[in-house]
Amino acid sequence: MSPAEEERSLPLPERWPRASKFALSACAAAVAELVTFPLDLTKTRLQIQGEAAVRRDGVAAGPALPYRGMLRTAAGIAREEGVRKLWQGATPAVYRHIVYTGVRMVTYEQLRDSVLGRVQGESFPLWKAVVGGMSAGAIGQFFASPTDLVKVQMQMEGKRKLEGKPLRFRGVHHAFLKILSEGGIRGLWAGWVPNVQRAALVNLGDLTTYDSVKHFLLLNTPLVDNSVTHGVSSACSGLVAAVLGTPADVVKTRIMNQPRDKQGRGLLYKSSMDCLIQTVQGEGFMSLYKGFIPTWMRMAPWSLVFWLTYEQIRRMWGVSSF
């Protein structure tokens, strides 16, 4: 048998390992995203609520909506806009995770195994896991930033309707085209700096924590590489990711959702640092944790669904455990 024939006879994961891992992680992420998306919508609405810059500059027209917590916000969306609106923006969110999760997972494994030199069966230094996780998250989010921008803006359409404002988009593709026509290519990457910062912090919590906790348990406890170990590791990763990522997520959401002039410049914030300063000065430090509960409540089941699904899919396809 010739080398070419031997290569064609190999299973797909062995012929195209990176492409296979990209596809498998994208499938697991799509499942997790659809299951937990209503919590993401609730979190986004809470992060915009009571925005000090909007009150000061008078950009928003229409009556101010009352402050509501997580459950009342979710119930209000279902009652005032319809239950289906709890999944408004889910399509670009799934697009985003296909790109973001696929890139970050492949990048992390490549960095961990080839660049940072992890040895199978041995402990992996925490600082190397931190470098790998933050780098993978930043790279993945940069490529996925346009889809995140569309997701955030579509999630706010129901709120605009209640305030008596005209809807901006007819659908996902119209949103992409409108943002592109108004702000050019650069407009699709509006808010990418806090977006990438958030992704680096979230992956420090998610990828780094999951990988470190899982292999610590395997090396130092009687636990084996099964769903119990995956579940414990994902629970830890969801909590740490929420704590580290929520402040950057608030800043990212506000920058992405702010109105813009004809040149695509934001009318409320000059930069992510300006948004951070205005938010803390106008609303207090804890405003950076607006939406923390739904963020955590979403990240915990998201991590659980994703990691359990991803590990099982890898096993089914004959790919080694993460």
Foldseek 3Di string as FASTA:
>chain_A
DDPVVVLVPDFPCVNPVLVVLLVLLLVLLLVLCVVQQLLVLLLLVLLPQPQQLCVVVVPDAFDHDDDDASVCSSVCCCVVPNNVLSCFLVVLVSVLSSQLRSQLVSQLVCCVPPVQNDDPPDARDLVSLLVSQLVSQLVSLQVSQLSVLLSLQRSCQVVCVVRVHDGDAPDSVRSSVVQCVQANPVSSCFLSVLRSVLSSQLSSLAVSQLVNQLSCCCNPHPDDPDLVSQLVSQQRSLVSSLVRRQLSVSLSSCRSNADADSNSQGPRARDSVRSSVSCCVRPNPCSSCRSSVSSSVSSSSSSSSSSNSSQVVCVVSVHDGD
